[in-house]
N, C-alpha and C. Protein backbone atom coordinates (compact mmCIF):
# COMPACT_ATOMS: atom_id res chain seq x y z
N MET A 1 88.89 -37.78 193.90
CA MET A 1 88.34 -36.35 193.86
C MET A 1 87.95 -35.41 195.26
N GLU A 2 88.14 -36.31 196.45
CA GLU A 2 87.97 -35.09 197.53
C GLU A 2 88.87 -34.48 197.42
N LYS A 3 90.56 -34.73 197.13
CA LYS A 3 91.14 -34.25 197.30
C LYS A 3 91.87 -33.29 195.90
N LEU A 4 90.83 -33.58 194.78
CA LEU A 4 90.69 -32.38 194.07
C LEU A 4 89.68 -30.91 194.33
N LYS A 5 89.02 -31.61 194.89
CA LYS A 5 87.72 -30.69 195.43
C LYS A 5 88.35 -29.82 197.15
N LEU A 6 89.36 -30.61 197.50
CA LEU A 6 90.06 -29.12 198.93
C LEU A 6 91.20 -29.22 198.24
N PHE A 7 91.92 -29.33 197.12
CA PHE A 7 93.18 -27.94 196.50
C PHE A 7 92.27 -27.31 195.65
N PHE A 8 90.77 -26.83 195.58
CA PHE A 8 90.47 -26.23 194.71
C PHE A 8 89.99 -25.24 195.97
N GLU A 9 89.23 -25.34 197.25
CA GLU A 9 88.41 -24.99 198.30
C GLU A 9 89.54 -24.15 198.69
N GLU A 10 90.66 -24.28 198.84
CA GLU A 10 91.88 -23.79 199.64
C GLU A 10 92.51 -22.89 198.62
N ARG A 11 92.50 -22.61 197.59
CA ARG A 11 93.04 -21.57 197.12
C ARG A 11 91.88 -20.93 196.06
N ALA A 12 90.84 -21.01 196.34
CA ALA A 12 89.57 -20.22 195.26
C ALA A 12 89.57 -18.96 196.38
N PHE A 13 88.80 -17.84 196.14
CA PHE A 13 88.88 -17.02 196.64
C PHE A 13 87.81 -16.65 197.86
N GLY A 14 87.11 -17.77 198.13
CA GLY A 14 86.17 -17.55 198.95
C GLY A 14 85.12 -17.01 198.66
N VAL A 15 84.16 -16.96 197.64
CA VAL A 15 83.35 -15.73 197.55
C VAL A 15 81.78 -16.09 197.96
N CYS A 16 81.87 -17.81 197.13
CA CYS A 16 80.69 -18.44 197.78
C CYS A 16 80.29 -18.63 198.77
N SER A 17 81.37 -19.08 199.95
CA SER A 17 81.54 -19.33 201.13
C SER A 17 81.11 -18.32 201.77
N ARG A 18 81.23 -17.10 201.80
CA ARG A 18 81.05 -15.98 202.22
C ARG A 18 79.78 -15.25 202.16
N LEU A 19 79.23 -15.73 200.47
CA LEU A 19 77.99 -15.12 200.11
C LEU A 19 76.93 -16.79 200.90
N GLY A 20 77.65 -17.45 201.40
CA GLY A 20 76.88 -18.50 202.03
C GLY A 20 76.50 -18.02 203.59
N GLU A 21 77.55 -17.89 204.01
CA GLU A 21 77.48 -16.92 205.26
C GLU A 21 76.74 -16.01 205.23
N LYS A 22 76.88 -14.86 204.92
CA LYS A 22 75.88 -14.18 204.94
C LYS A 22 74.63 -14.26 204.23
N LEU A 23 74.30 -14.81 203.50
CA LEU A 23 72.66 -15.03 203.21
C LEU A 23 72.17 -16.62 203.89
N ASN A 24 73.00 -17.09 204.75
CA ASN A 24 72.87 -18.24 205.49
C ASN A 24 72.26 -19.15 204.46
N PHE A 25 72.61 -19.25 203.05
CA PHE A 25 72.33 -20.37 201.99
C PHE A 25 73.83 -21.17 202.12
N PRO A 26 72.89 -22.04 201.55
CA PRO A 26 74.04 -23.71 201.06
C PRO A 26 75.32 -23.12 200.11
N ILE A 27 76.33 -23.32 200.28
CA ILE A 27 77.27 -23.18 199.55
C ILE A 27 77.48 -24.05 198.42
N ASP A 28 76.99 -25.20 198.56
CA ASP A 28 77.32 -25.53 197.36
C ASP A 28 76.15 -25.34 196.04
N SER A 29 74.77 -24.79 196.74
CA SER A 29 73.94 -24.18 195.74
C SER A 29 74.29 -22.99 194.90
N ILE A 30 75.12 -22.40 196.11
CA ILE A 30 75.89 -20.57 195.18
C ILE A 30 76.70 -21.06 194.22
N ARG A 31 77.72 -22.40 194.47
CA ARG A 31 78.52 -22.56 193.58
C ARG A 31 78.17 -23.64 192.47
N LEU A 32 77.09 -24.14 192.28
CA LEU A 32 76.37 -24.40 191.49
C LEU A 32 75.98 -23.77 190.35
N PHE A 33 75.19 -22.54 190.88
CA PHE A 33 74.23 -21.25 190.69
C PHE A 33 75.00 -20.67 189.62
N PHE A 34 76.72 -20.58 189.97
CA PHE A 34 77.58 -19.77 189.19
C PHE A 34 78.09 -20.43 187.95
N ILE A 35 78.19 -22.03 188.82
CA ILE A 35 78.92 -22.84 187.16
C ILE A 35 77.74 -22.98 185.95
N TYR A 36 76.34 -23.46 186.37
CA TYR A 36 75.46 -23.47 185.52
C TYR A 36 74.78 -21.84 184.86
N SER A 37 75.17 -20.71 185.49
CA SER A 37 74.46 -19.63 185.03
C SER A 37 75.93 -19.46 184.39
N SER A 38 76.97 -19.39 184.03
CA SER A 38 78.26 -19.21 183.59
C SER A 38 78.29 -19.93 182.45
N PHE A 39 77.22 -21.19 182.09
CA PHE A 39 77.13 -21.78 180.81
C PHE A 39 76.05 -21.32 180.02
N ILE A 40 75.17 -21.13 180.95
CA ILE A 40 73.70 -20.37 179.89
C ILE A 40 73.72 -19.13 179.62
N THR A 41 74.63 -18.52 180.30
CA THR A 41 75.03 -16.52 180.02
C THR A 41 76.10 -16.77 179.38
N LEU A 42 77.07 -17.68 179.14
CA LEU A 42 78.52 -17.59 178.33
C LEU A 42 79.63 -16.76 178.93
N GLY A 43 79.27 -16.82 180.90
CA GLY A 43 80.59 -16.43 181.02
C GLY A 43 80.23 -15.14 181.88
N SER A 44 79.16 -14.16 181.66
CA SER A 44 78.72 -13.17 182.18
C SER A 44 78.96 -13.29 184.03
N PRO A 45 78.87 -14.65 184.76
CA PRO A 45 78.96 -13.95 186.07
C PRO A 45 80.25 -14.10 186.39
N VAL A 46 80.99 -15.22 185.63
CA VAL A 46 82.33 -14.97 185.83
C VAL A 46 83.15 -13.75 186.38
N ILE A 47 82.66 -12.61 185.48
CA ILE A 47 83.02 -11.25 185.75
C ILE A 47 82.34 -10.71 187.28
N LEU A 48 81.04 -10.98 187.58
CA LEU A 48 80.75 -10.73 188.72
C LEU A 48 81.44 -11.66 189.92
N TYR A 49 81.88 -12.89 189.67
CA TYR A 49 82.69 -13.60 190.76
C TYR A 49 84.01 -12.88 190.81
N VAL A 50 84.74 -12.82 190.05
CA VAL A 50 85.93 -11.99 190.06
C VAL A 50 86.03 -10.46 190.73
N SER A 51 84.99 -9.87 189.92
CA SER A 51 84.69 -8.28 190.72
C SER A 51 84.44 -8.68 192.45
N MET A 52 83.50 -9.58 192.39
CA MET A 52 83.11 -9.56 194.46
C MET A 52 84.66 -10.00 194.58
N ALA A 53 85.37 -11.30 194.23
CA ALA A 53 86.86 -11.61 194.80
C ALA A 53 87.51 -9.87 194.97
N MET A 54 88.00 -9.28 194.22
CA MET A 54 88.51 -8.50 193.79
C MET A 54 88.02 -7.36 195.27
N LEU A 55 86.61 -7.17 195.05
CA LEU A 55 86.05 -5.79 196.28
C LEU A 55 86.78 -6.53 197.81
N MET A 56 86.43 -8.28 197.80
CA MET A 56 86.68 -8.76 199.69
C MET A 56 88.10 -8.52 199.40
N LYS A 57 89.24 -8.81 198.67
CA LYS A 57 90.94 -8.42 199.00
C LYS A 57 91.19 -6.85 199.12
N ILE A 58 90.16 -6.25 198.58
CA ILE A 58 90.91 -4.68 198.53
C ILE A 58 90.34 -4.41 200.08
N ARG A 59 88.92 -4.94 200.54
CA ARG A 59 88.72 -4.62 202.08
C ARG A 59 89.23 -5.18 202.98
N LYS A 60 90.16 -6.72 202.67
CA LYS A 60 90.76 -6.82 203.83
C LYS A 60 92.15 -6.01 204.02
N TYR A 61 92.53 -5.76 202.43
CA TYR A 61 93.79 -4.97 202.55
C TYR A 61 94.03 -3.50 203.01
N PHE A 62 92.37 -2.60 203.16
CA PHE A 62 92.38 -1.72 204.26
C PHE A 62 92.06 -2.14 205.44
N ARG A 63 91.34 -3.07 205.88
CA ARG A 63 91.55 -3.54 206.87
C ARG A 63 92.61 -3.96 207.94
N LYS A 64 93.51 -4.77 207.15
CA LYS A 64 94.72 -4.85 207.40
C LYS A 64 95.63 -3.03 207.51
N MET A 65 95.10 -2.08 206.65
CA MET A 65 96.01 -0.87 207.03
C MET A 65 95.66 -0.65 208.15
N ASN A 66 94.88 -0.39 208.27
CA ASN A 66 93.85 0.21 209.94
C ASN A 66 94.29 -0.35 211.17
N ASN A 67 94.71 -1.85 211.13
CA ASN A 67 94.77 -2.45 211.95
C ASN A 67 96.22 -3.26 212.02
N PRO A 68 97.60 -2.24 212.12
CA PRO A 68 98.78 -2.86 211.26
C PRO A 68 99.27 -3.78 212.98
N VAL A 69 99.85 -5.16 212.79
CA VAL A 69 100.51 -5.68 214.04
C VAL A 69 101.49 -5.22 213.96
N LEU A 70 101.85 -5.52 214.95
CA LEU A 70 103.36 -4.73 215.78
C LEU A 70 104.50 -5.82 215.56
N PHE A 71 103.84 -7.36 216.05
CA PHE A 71 105.13 -8.17 215.57
C PHE A 71 104.62 -8.82 214.70
N ASP A 72 105.65 -9.14 213.62
CA ASP A 72 105.31 -10.24 212.02
C ASP A 72 106.28 -11.31 213.04
């Protein structure tokens, strides 16, 4: 079970961990909130999660464009 958890944590977008760091809130609680609210509201928090993941990727892309690495 631990291997499965590590597999998904490595390949996830990092939205819950980023929110947990910003809000000083346990990451597991945020993940459980997204899971339970997805079941209760028939998946609408998934849209919120994906949009936040896209925003994080776009911000990372623009930061990389502003600070180019000279040696790759």
